[in-house]
Amino acid sequence: MPATNDPHELSPAELTWHRVSPRYVTVRVLNRVVATVIWTAIASVPVLLALLGVWDGGVQWWLWLPPAVVLVWGVVQLCLTPRRVRAIGYAQAPTELWLRKGLFFRTVTVVPYGRMQYVEISTGPVLNAFGLASLTLHTASASTDAVLPGLPREEADRLREQLTERGEAHMVGL
């Protein structure tokens, strides 16, 4: 595993990083909008009950606090989503696959090709509508399974085949 010279960088400089598809931003934004609307509606139930007269005393100012906090939190998360998606990436080294994610709390995962048991591609209705898929690398340890979301379907297929070939080649030497 190559060493890094920069103390702030979590990976070596000679790696070529690839980002996930820009269409994945739309998927994550849609997900965030739906979640924000649902949680804001749930937090607004006391206000609705007060407006309908179910609760005595009318609508107090503090009843608006939970939905306002949830809405503000959702908008902040929505604003951070494009940058978070741009932070997701992968790099192929000669003996391992590097995955990175995170905006404030960055994570770099290194999966040796010889330790991969199988590579799985998954997609759902929303990812499928945008022509995207998620690639999951399974290893012997359940805690080291790595997921690479938001890849174009063709890239996910190509990467699965390439990783499977490299895994078989590196496993022969074990």
N, C-alpha and C. Protein backbone atom coordinates (compact mmCIF):
# COMPACT_ATOMS: atom_id res chain seq x y z
N MET A 1 0.86 -1.17 0.00
CA MET A 1 0.00 0.00 0.00
C MET A 1 0.90 1.23 0.00
N PRO A 2 0.73 2.13 -0.98
CA PRO A 2 1.57 3.31 -1.05
C PRO A 2 1.29 4.28 0.08
N ALA A 3 2.32 4.97 0.53
CA ALA A 3 2.18 5.94 1.61
C ALA A 3 1.81 7.31 1.05
N THR A 4 1.23 8.14 1.89
CA THR A 4 0.89 9.50 1.49
C THR A 4 1.88 10.49 2.10
N ASN A 5 2.19 11.54 1.38
CA ASN A 5 3.12 12.56 1.87
C ASN A 5 2.40 13.69 2.58
N ASP A 6 1.17 13.95 2.21
CA ASP A 6 0.39 15.05 2.77
C ASP A 6 -0.33 14.57 4.04
N PRO A 7 -0.09 15.21 5.20
CA PRO A 7 -0.74 14.75 6.43
C PRO A 7 -2.25 14.97 6.43
N HIS A 8 -2.78 15.84 5.56
CA HIS A 8 -4.22 16.11 5.52
C HIS A 8 -4.93 15.21 4.52
N GLU A 9 -4.18 14.55 3.67
CA GLU A 9 -4.77 13.68 2.65
C GLU A 9 -4.76 12.25 3.17
N LEU A 10 -5.86 11.53 2.94
CA LEU A 10 -5.98 10.17 3.45
C LEU A 10 -5.56 9.12 2.43
N SER A 11 -5.14 9.54 1.26
CA SER A 11 -4.75 8.58 0.23
C SER A 11 -3.51 9.09 -0.50
N PRO A 12 -2.80 8.20 -1.17
CA PRO A 12 -1.60 8.61 -1.90
C PRO A 12 -1.93 9.52 -3.08
N ALA A 13 -1.01 10.39 -3.41
CA ALA A 13 -1.23 11.36 -4.49
C ALA A 13 -1.26 10.71 -5.86
N GLU A 14 -0.61 9.56 -6.02
CA GLU A 14 -0.53 8.96 -7.36
C GLU A 14 -1.79 8.22 -7.79
N LEU A 15 -2.79 8.11 -6.93
CA LEU A 15 -4.04 7.47 -7.32
C LEU A 15 -4.86 8.38 -8.22
N THR A 16 -5.53 7.79 -9.20
CA THR A 16 -6.45 8.53 -10.07
C THR A 16 -7.86 8.25 -9.58
N TRP A 17 -8.49 9.29 -9.05
CA TRP A 17 -9.82 9.14 -8.47
C TRP A 17 -10.90 9.36 -9.52
N HIS A 18 -11.96 8.55 -9.44
CA HIS A 18 -13.12 8.68 -10.32
C HIS A 18 -14.33 8.98 -9.44
N ARG A 19 -15.14 9.92 -9.88
CA ARG A 19 -16.34 10.28 -9.13
C ARG A 19 -17.54 9.48 -9.62
N VAL A 20 -18.57 9.46 -8.81
CA VAL A 20 -19.82 8.83 -9.23
C VAL A 20 -20.53 9.76 -10.21
N SER A 21 -21.59 9.28 -10.82
CA SER A 21 -22.31 10.04 -11.83
C SER A 21 -22.93 11.31 -11.25
N PRO A 22 -22.87 12.42 -11.99
CA PRO A 22 -23.55 13.65 -11.54
C PRO A 22 -25.07 13.47 -11.41
N ARG A 23 -25.64 12.48 -12.11
CA ARG A 23 -27.08 12.22 -11.98
C ARG A 23 -27.43 11.72 -10.59
N TYR A 24 -26.44 11.21 -9.87
CA TYR A 24 -26.69 10.73 -8.51
C TYR A 24 -27.05 11.89 -7.57
N VAL A 25 -26.63 13.09 -7.90
CA VAL A 25 -27.01 14.27 -7.11
C VAL A 25 -28.53 14.40 -7.11
N THR A 26 -29.15 14.25 -8.29
CA THR A 26 -30.61 14.36 -8.40
C THR A 26 -31.30 13.30 -7.55
N VAL A 27 -30.77 12.07 -7.58
CA VAL A 27 -31.36 10.99 -6.78
C VAL A 27 -31.31 11.33 -5.30
N ARG A 28 -30.15 11.79 -4.84
CA ARG A 28 -30.00 12.13 -3.42
C ARG A 28 -30.84 13.34 -3.04
N VAL A 29 -30.95 14.34 -3.92
CA VAL A 29 -31.78 15.52 -3.65
C VAL A 29 -33.24 15.11 -3.53
N LEU A 30 -33.71 14.28 -4.45
CA LEU A 30 -35.10 13.80 -4.37
C LEU A 30 -35.34 13.05 -3.06
N ASN A 31 -34.41 12.22 -2.69
CA ASN A 31 -34.50 11.48 -1.44
C ASN A 31 -34.58 12.44 -0.25
N ARG A 32 -33.74 13.45 -0.24
CA ARG A 32 -33.70 14.42 0.85
C ARG A 32 -34.98 15.24 0.90
N VAL A 33 -35.52 15.65 -0.24
CA VAL A 33 -36.75 16.44 -0.27
C VAL A 33 -37.91 15.62 0.30
N VAL A 34 -38.04 14.37 -0.14
CA VAL A 34 -39.12 13.52 0.37
C VAL A 34 -38.99 13.32 1.87
N ALA A 35 -37.77 13.05 2.35
CA ALA A 35 -37.56 12.85 3.79
C ALA A 35 -37.89 14.12 4.58
N THR A 36 -37.49 15.27 4.06
CA THR A 36 -37.77 16.54 4.75
C THR A 36 -39.26 16.81 4.81
N VAL A 37 -39.97 16.57 3.73
CA VAL A 37 -41.42 16.79 3.71
C VAL A 37 -42.11 15.87 4.71
N ILE A 38 -41.72 14.60 4.74
CA ILE A 38 -42.34 13.64 5.66
C ILE A 38 -42.08 14.03 7.11
N TRP A 39 -40.82 14.30 7.44
CA TRP A 39 -40.48 14.65 8.83
C TRP A 39 -41.09 15.99 9.25
N THR A 40 -41.18 16.94 8.33
CA THR A 40 -41.83 18.21 8.66
C THR A 40 -43.32 18.00 8.92
N ALA A 41 -43.95 17.14 8.12
CA ALA A 41 -45.37 16.84 8.33
C ALA A 41 -45.59 16.17 9.68
N ILE A 42 -44.71 15.24 10.05
CA ILE A 42 -44.83 14.57 11.35
C ILE A 42 -44.65 15.57 12.49
N ALA A 43 -43.66 16.45 12.36
CA ALA A 43 -43.40 17.44 13.41
C ALA A 43 -44.51 18.49 13.48
N SER A 44 -45.31 18.61 12.42
CA SER A 44 -46.39 19.60 12.39
C SER A 44 -47.71 19.09 12.97
N VAL A 45 -47.78 17.85 13.37
CA VAL A 45 -49.02 17.28 13.90
C VAL A 45 -49.54 18.09 15.10
N PRO A 46 -48.72 18.46 16.08
CA PRO A 46 -49.26 19.27 17.20
C PRO A 46 -49.85 20.60 16.73
N VAL A 47 -49.23 21.25 15.77
CA VAL A 47 -49.76 22.52 15.24
C VAL A 47 -51.12 22.27 14.59
N LEU A 48 -51.21 21.20 13.81
CA LEU A 48 -52.46 20.87 13.14
C LEU A 48 -53.56 20.57 14.16
N LEU A 49 -53.22 19.82 15.19
CA LEU A 49 -54.21 19.52 16.23
C LEU A 49 -54.66 20.79 16.96
N ALA A 50 -53.74 21.71 17.19
CA ALA A 50 -54.11 22.98 17.84
C ALA A 50 -54.97 23.83 16.92
N LEU A 51 -54.65 23.83 15.62
CA LEU A 51 -55.46 24.61 14.66
C LEU A 51 -56.87 24.04 14.53
N LEU A 52 -57.01 22.73 14.65
CA LEU A 52 -58.33 22.11 14.54
C LEU A 52 -59.13 22.19 15.83
N GLY A 53 -58.50 22.68 16.89
CA GLY A 53 -59.19 22.83 18.16
C GLY A 53 -59.19 21.59 19.02
N VAL A 54 -58.44 20.56 18.63
CA VAL A 54 -58.38 19.34 19.43
C VAL A 54 -57.68 19.62 20.75
N TRP A 55 -56.65 20.46 20.70
CA TRP A 55 -55.94 20.87 21.92
C TRP A 55 -56.47 22.22 22.37
N ASP A 56 -56.73 22.35 23.64
CA ASP A 56 -57.22 23.62 24.17
C ASP A 56 -56.07 24.62 24.26
N GLY A 57 -56.40 25.87 24.20
CA GLY A 57 -55.41 26.92 24.37
C GLY A 57 -54.91 27.52 23.06
N GLY A 58 -55.37 27.01 21.95
CA GLY A 58 -54.96 27.59 20.67
C GLY A 58 -53.54 27.21 20.29
N VAL A 59 -53.08 27.87 19.25
CA VAL A 59 -51.74 27.60 18.73
C VAL A 59 -50.73 28.47 19.47
N GLN A 60 -49.87 27.84 20.23
CA GLN A 60 -48.81 28.56 20.94
C GLN A 60 -47.60 28.69 20.02
N TRP A 61 -46.80 29.70 20.27
CA TRP A 61 -45.63 29.93 19.40
C TRP A 61 -44.65 28.76 19.43
N TRP A 62 -44.51 28.10 20.58
CA TRP A 62 -43.54 27.02 20.69
C TRP A 62 -43.95 25.76 19.93
N LEU A 63 -45.24 25.67 19.54
CA LEU A 63 -45.66 24.53 18.73
C LEU A 63 -45.06 24.58 17.33
N TRP A 64 -44.68 25.78 16.89
CA TRP A 64 -44.08 25.92 15.56
C TRP A 64 -42.59 25.56 15.56
N LEU A 65 -41.99 25.44 16.73
CA LEU A 65 -40.56 25.18 16.84
C LEU A 65 -40.13 23.84 16.22
N PRO A 66 -40.74 22.70 16.57
CA PRO A 66 -40.29 21.43 15.97
C PRO A 66 -40.36 21.40 14.44
N PRO A 67 -41.50 21.82 13.82
CA PRO A 67 -41.49 21.78 12.35
C PRO A 67 -40.48 22.76 11.75
N ALA A 68 -40.26 23.89 12.40
CA ALA A 68 -39.29 24.86 11.88
C ALA A 68 -37.87 24.29 11.95
N VAL A 69 -37.54 23.64 13.06
CA VAL A 69 -36.20 23.04 13.21
C VAL A 69 -36.00 21.93 12.17
N VAL A 70 -37.00 21.08 12.01
CA VAL A 70 -36.91 20.00 11.03
C VAL A 70 -36.75 20.56 9.62
N LEU A 71 -37.50 21.59 9.30
CA LEU A 71 -37.42 22.19 7.97
C LEU A 71 -36.06 22.84 7.71
N VAL A 72 -35.56 23.57 8.69
CA VAL A 72 -34.23 24.19 8.55
C VAL A 72 -33.16 23.12 8.40
N TRP A 73 -33.22 22.08 9.23
CA TRP A 73 -32.26 20.99 9.14
C TRP A 73 -32.30 20.33 7.75
N GLY A 74 -33.51 20.12 7.24
CA GLY A 74 -33.66 19.52 5.91
C GLY A 74 -33.08 20.40 4.81
N VAL A 75 -33.27 21.70 4.91
CA VAL A 75 -32.72 22.63 3.91
C VAL A 75 -31.19 22.64 3.97
N VAL A 76 -30.63 22.62 5.18
CA VAL A 76 -29.17 22.57 5.32
C VAL A 76 -28.63 21.29 4.69
N GLN A 77 -29.28 20.16 5.00
CA GLN A 77 -28.86 18.88 4.42
C GLN A 77 -28.99 18.89 2.90
N LEU A 78 -30.04 19.51 2.41
CA LEU A 78 -30.26 19.61 0.97
C LEU A 78 -29.16 20.42 0.31
N CYS A 79 -28.74 21.49 0.95
CA CYS A 79 -27.66 22.31 0.39
C CYS A 79 -26.32 21.57 0.38
N LEU A 80 -26.09 20.68 1.34
CA LEU A 80 -24.84 19.93 1.41
C LEU A 80 -24.81 18.71 0.49
N THR A 81 -25.96 18.27 0.03
CA THR A 81 -26.05 17.04 -0.76
C THR A 81 -25.18 17.04 -2.01
N PRO A 82 -25.20 18.08 -2.86
CA PRO A 82 -24.35 18.02 -4.06
C PRO A 82 -22.86 17.87 -3.74
N ARG A 83 -22.40 18.54 -2.72
CA ARG A 83 -20.98 18.44 -2.36
C ARG A 83 -20.67 17.06 -1.78
N ARG A 84 -21.59 16.50 -1.02
CA ARG A 84 -21.40 15.16 -0.47
C ARG A 84 -21.29 14.12 -1.58
N VAL A 85 -22.12 14.26 -2.60
CA VAL A 85 -22.06 13.31 -3.72
C VAL A 85 -20.74 13.47 -4.47
N ARG A 86 -20.28 14.70 -4.65
CA ARG A 86 -18.99 14.90 -5.34
C ARG A 86 -17.83 14.34 -4.54
N ALA A 87 -18.00 14.14 -3.25
CA ALA A 87 -16.93 13.60 -2.41
C ALA A 87 -16.83 12.07 -2.51
N ILE A 88 -17.82 11.42 -3.10
CA ILE A 88 -17.79 9.97 -3.25
C ILE A 88 -16.94 9.63 -4.47
N GLY A 89 -16.02 8.70 -4.28
CA GLY A 89 -15.18 8.31 -5.42
C GLY A 89 -14.47 7.00 -5.19
N TYR A 90 -13.80 6.55 -6.24
CA TYR A 90 -13.03 5.31 -6.16
C TYR A 90 -11.78 5.43 -7.01
N ALA A 91 -10.79 4.65 -6.64
CA ALA A 91 -9.53 4.60 -7.39
C ALA A 91 -9.05 3.16 -7.40
N GLN A 92 -8.53 2.75 -8.54
CA GLN A 92 -8.02 1.39 -8.68
C GLN A 92 -6.50 1.42 -8.63
N ALA A 93 -5.95 0.74 -7.62
CA ALA A 93 -4.51 0.59 -7.50
C ALA A 93 -4.16 -0.81 -8.01
N PRO A 94 -2.88 -1.12 -8.16
CA PRO A 94 -2.51 -2.44 -8.69
C PRO A 94 -3.01 -3.62 -7.85
N THR A 95 -3.08 -3.46 -6.53
CA THR A 95 -3.46 -4.60 -5.68
C THR A 95 -4.72 -4.36 -4.85
N GLU A 96 -5.32 -3.17 -4.91
CA GLU A 96 -6.50 -2.89 -4.10
C GLU A 96 -7.37 -1.81 -4.74
N LEU A 97 -8.60 -1.75 -4.25
CA LEU A 97 -9.55 -0.73 -4.66
C LEU A 97 -9.72 0.23 -3.50
N TRP A 98 -9.61 1.53 -3.78
CA TRP A 98 -9.76 2.57 -2.77
C TRP A 98 -11.13 3.22 -2.96
N LEU A 99 -11.85 3.40 -1.87
CA LEU A 99 -13.15 4.08 -1.88
C LEU A 99 -13.09 5.24 -0.90
N ARG A 100 -13.67 6.37 -1.27
CA ARG A 100 -13.70 7.50 -0.34
C ARG A 100 -15.09 8.12 -0.34
N LYS A 101 -15.42 8.71 0.80
CA LYS A 101 -16.70 9.40 0.95
C LYS A 101 -16.57 10.36 2.11
N GLY A 102 -17.52 11.26 2.22
CA GLY A 102 -17.56 12.17 3.36
C GLY A 102 -17.12 13.57 3.02
N LEU A 103 -17.80 14.51 3.62
CA LEU A 103 -17.50 15.91 3.42
C LEU A 103 -16.75 16.46 4.63
N PHE A 104 -17.34 16.37 5.79
CA PHE A 104 -16.69 16.84 7.01
C PHE A 104 -15.93 15.70 7.68
N PHE A 105 -16.54 14.53 7.70
CA PHE A 105 -15.91 13.35 8.28
C PHE A 105 -15.57 12.42 7.12
N ARG A 106 -14.37 12.52 6.64
CA ARG A 106 -13.96 11.75 5.46
C ARG A 106 -13.57 10.33 5.85
N THR A 107 -13.91 9.41 4.98
CA THR A 107 -13.58 8.01 5.17
C THR A 107 -12.94 7.48 3.90
N VAL A 108 -11.83 6.78 4.05
CA VAL A 108 -11.19 6.10 2.94
C VAL A 108 -11.12 4.63 3.30
N THR A 109 -11.66 3.78 2.42
CA THR A 109 -11.65 2.34 2.63
C THR A 109 -10.80 1.70 1.54
N VAL A 110 -9.93 0.81 1.94
CA VAL A 110 -9.07 0.09 0.99
C VAL A 110 -9.47 -1.38 1.02
N VAL A 111 -9.86 -1.91 -0.13
CA VAL A 111 -10.26 -3.31 -0.23
C VAL A 111 -9.26 -4.03 -1.13
N PRO A 112 -8.43 -4.93 -0.55
CA PRO A 112 -7.49 -5.70 -1.39
C PRO A 112 -8.27 -6.61 -2.33
N TYR A 113 -7.83 -6.70 -3.58
CA TYR A 113 -8.54 -7.52 -4.56
C TYR A 113 -8.61 -8.98 -4.12
N GLY A 114 -7.55 -9.48 -3.49
CA GLY A 114 -7.51 -10.87 -3.07
C GLY A 114 -8.45 -11.20 -1.93
N ARG A 115 -8.98 -10.19 -1.24
CA ARG A 115 -9.89 -10.43 -0.11
C ARG A 115 -11.36 -10.36 -0.51
N MET A 116 -11.63 -9.96 -1.74
CA MET A 116 -13.03 -9.85 -2.18
C MET A 116 -13.60 -11.25 -2.43
N GLN A 117 -14.78 -11.50 -1.86
CA GLN A 117 -15.45 -12.77 -2.10
C GLN A 117 -16.36 -12.68 -3.32
N TYR A 118 -17.14 -11.61 -3.39
CA TYR A 118 -17.95 -11.39 -4.58
C TYR A 118 -18.33 -9.91 -4.67
N VAL A 119 -18.70 -9.52 -5.88
CA VAL A 119 -19.07 -8.13 -6.17
C VAL A 119 -20.51 -8.15 -6.65
N GLU A 120 -21.32 -7.28 -6.06
CA GLU A 120 -22.76 -7.28 -6.32
C GLU A 120 -23.19 -5.92 -6.86
N ILE A 121 -24.08 -5.94 -7.85
CA ILE A 121 -24.67 -4.71 -8.37
C ILE A 121 -26.13 -4.69 -7.96
N SER A 122 -26.58 -3.57 -7.41
CA SER A 122 -27.98 -3.45 -7.02
C SER A 122 -28.54 -2.12 -7.54
N THR A 123 -29.83 -2.15 -7.80
CA THR A 123 -30.51 -0.95 -8.27
C THR A 123 -31.96 -1.02 -7.80
N GLY A 124 -32.56 0.12 -7.64
CA GLY A 124 -33.96 0.20 -7.26
C GLY A 124 -34.71 1.03 -8.28
N PRO A 125 -35.97 1.32 -8.03
CA PRO A 125 -36.76 2.07 -9.02
C PRO A 125 -36.19 3.45 -9.32
N VAL A 126 -35.74 4.16 -8.30
CA VAL A 126 -35.24 5.53 -8.52
C VAL A 126 -33.88 5.48 -9.23
N LEU A 127 -32.96 4.66 -8.73
CA LEU A 127 -31.66 4.54 -9.39
C LEU A 127 -31.83 4.06 -10.83
N ASN A 128 -32.72 3.10 -11.03
CA ASN A 128 -32.97 2.56 -12.36
C ASN A 128 -33.50 3.62 -13.31
N ALA A 129 -34.36 4.51 -12.80
CA ALA A 129 -34.92 5.58 -13.63
C ALA A 129 -33.83 6.52 -14.14
N PHE A 130 -32.75 6.65 -13.39
CA PHE A 130 -31.65 7.52 -13.79
C PHE A 130 -30.49 6.75 -14.43
N GLY A 131 -30.67 5.44 -14.65
CA GLY A 131 -29.64 4.63 -15.28
C GLY A 131 -28.43 4.40 -14.38
N LEU A 132 -28.66 4.35 -13.07
CA LEU A 132 -27.57 4.20 -12.11
C LEU A 132 -27.69 2.89 -11.35
N ALA A 133 -26.60 2.52 -10.69
CA ALA A 133 -26.57 1.31 -9.88
C ALA A 133 -25.59 1.51 -8.73
N SER A 134 -25.69 0.65 -7.73
CA SER A 134 -24.74 0.63 -6.62
C SER A 134 -23.92 -0.65 -6.71
N LEU A 135 -22.65 -0.52 -6.43
CA LEU A 135 -21.73 -1.65 -6.47
C LEU A 135 -21.32 -1.96 -5.03
N THR A 136 -21.49 -3.21 -4.61
CA THR A 136 -21.12 -3.61 -3.26
C THR A 136 -20.03 -4.67 -3.33
N LEU A 137 -18.95 -4.45 -2.60
CA LEU A 137 -17.84 -5.39 -2.53
C LEU A 137 -17.96 -6.16 -1.22
N HIS A 138 -18.10 -7.47 -1.31
CA HIS A 138 -18.23 -8.30 -0.12
C HIS A 138 -16.91 -8.99 0.16
N THR A 139 -16.49 -8.90 1.42
CA THR A 139 -15.27 -9.56 1.87
C THR A 139 -15.64 -10.58 2.95
N ALA A 140 -14.63 -11.27 3.47
CA ALA A 140 -14.88 -12.27 4.51
C ALA A 140 -15.43 -11.62 5.78
N SER A 141 -15.05 -10.41 6.06
CA SER A 141 -15.53 -9.70 7.23
C SER A 141 -16.72 -8.82 6.86
N ALA A 142 -17.82 -9.00 7.55
CA ALA A 142 -19.03 -8.23 7.25
C ALA A 142 -18.83 -6.74 7.48
N SER A 143 -17.94 -6.37 8.39
CA SER A 143 -17.73 -4.97 8.69
C SER A 143 -16.93 -4.24 7.62
N THR A 144 -16.30 -4.97 6.72
CA THR A 144 -15.50 -4.31 5.69
C THR A 144 -16.17 -4.30 4.32
N ASP A 145 -17.44 -4.71 4.25
CA ASP A 145 -18.14 -4.60 2.98
C ASP A 145 -18.20 -3.14 2.58
N ALA A 146 -17.91 -2.87 1.33
CA ALA A 146 -17.84 -1.48 0.86
C ALA A 146 -18.88 -1.27 -0.24
N VAL A 147 -19.54 -0.12 -0.20
CA VAL A 147 -20.58 0.21 -1.17
C VAL A 147 -20.15 1.44 -1.96
N LEU A 148 -20.33 1.38 -3.26
CA LEU A 148 -20.05 2.50 -4.15
C LEU A 148 -21.35 2.83 -4.87
N PRO A 149 -22.10 3.84 -4.39
CA PRO A 149 -23.40 4.15 -4.98
C PRO A 149 -23.28 5.12 -6.16
N GLY A 150 -24.33 5.16 -6.98
CA GLY A 150 -24.43 6.19 -8.01
C GLY A 150 -23.56 6.02 -9.22
N LEU A 151 -23.17 4.79 -9.54
CA LEU A 151 -22.38 4.57 -10.76
C LEU A 151 -23.31 4.42 -11.95
N PRO A 152 -22.90 4.91 -13.12
CA PRO A 152 -23.68 4.60 -14.32
C PRO A 152 -23.73 3.08 -14.49
N ARG A 153 -24.82 2.56 -14.97
CA ARG A 153 -25.00 1.10 -15.05
C ARG A 153 -23.87 0.42 -15.84
N GLU A 154 -23.46 1.02 -16.94
CA GLU A 154 -22.39 0.44 -17.76
C GLU A 154 -21.08 0.40 -16.99
N GLU A 155 -20.78 1.47 -16.25
CA GLU A 155 -19.55 1.53 -15.45
C GLU A 155 -19.60 0.50 -14.33
N ALA A 156 -20.76 0.32 -13.71
CA ALA A 156 -20.90 -0.68 -12.64
C ALA A 156 -20.67 -2.08 -13.19
N ASP A 157 -21.22 -2.37 -14.36
CA ASP A 157 -21.01 -3.69 -14.99
C ASP A 157 -19.53 -3.90 -15.32
N ARG A 158 -18.90 -2.89 -15.91
CA ARG A 158 -17.48 -2.98 -16.28
C ARG A 158 -16.62 -3.18 -15.03
N LEU A 159 -16.91 -2.40 -14.00
CA LEU A 159 -16.13 -2.47 -12.77
C LEU A 159 -16.31 -3.82 -12.07
N ARG A 160 -17.53 -4.34 -12.09
CA ARG A 160 -17.78 -5.66 -11.48
C ARG A 160 -16.94 -6.73 -12.17
N GLU A 161 -16.95 -6.73 -13.50
CA GLU A 161 -16.16 -7.72 -14.24
C GLU A 161 -14.67 -7.57 -13.96
N GLN A 162 -14.19 -6.35 -14.00
CA GLN A 162 -12.76 -6.09 -13.78
C GLN A 162 -12.35 -6.47 -12.36
N LEU A 163 -13.16 -6.12 -11.38
CA LEU A 163 -12.83 -6.45 -9.99
C LEU A 163 -12.88 -7.95 -9.75
N THR A 164 -13.82 -8.63 -10.37
CA THR A 164 -13.91 -10.08 -10.23
C THR A 164 -12.66 -10.74 -10.82
N GLU A 165 -12.23 -10.29 -12.00
CA GLU A 165 -11.01 -10.84 -12.62
C GLU A 165 -9.79 -10.58 -11.75
N ARG A 166 -9.65 -9.35 -11.27
CA ARG A 166 -8.50 -9.03 -10.42
C ARG A 166 -8.54 -9.80 -9.10
N GLY A 167 -9.73 -9.97 -8.55
CA GLY A 167 -9.86 -10.73 -7.31
C GLY A 167 -9.44 -12.17 -7.49
N GLU A 168 -9.86 -12.78 -8.60
CA GLU A 168 -9.49 -14.17 -8.86
C GLU A 168 -7.98 -14.28 -9.09
N ALA A 169 -7.40 -13.32 -9.78
CA ALA A 169 -5.96 -13.36 -10.05
C ALA A 169 -5.14 -13.19 -8.77
N HIS A 170 -5.59 -12.32 -7.87
CA HIS A 170 -4.84 -12.09 -6.63
C HIS A 170 -5.11 -13.19 -5.59
N MET A 171 -6.25 -13.87 -5.69
CA MET A 171 -6.57 -14.91 -4.74
C MET A 171 -5.74 -16.17 -5.02
N VAL A 172 -5.32 -16.35 -6.27
CA VAL A 172 -4.52 -17.51 -6.64
C VAL A 172 -3.23 -17.57 -5.83
N GLY A 173 -2.65 -16.40 -5.55
CA GLY A 173 -1.41 -16.34 -4.80
C GLY A 173 -1.55 -16.55 -3.31
N LEU A 174 -2.79 -16.57 -2.78
CA LEU A 174 -2.98 -16.74 -1.33
C LEU A 174 -2.90 -18.18 -0.91
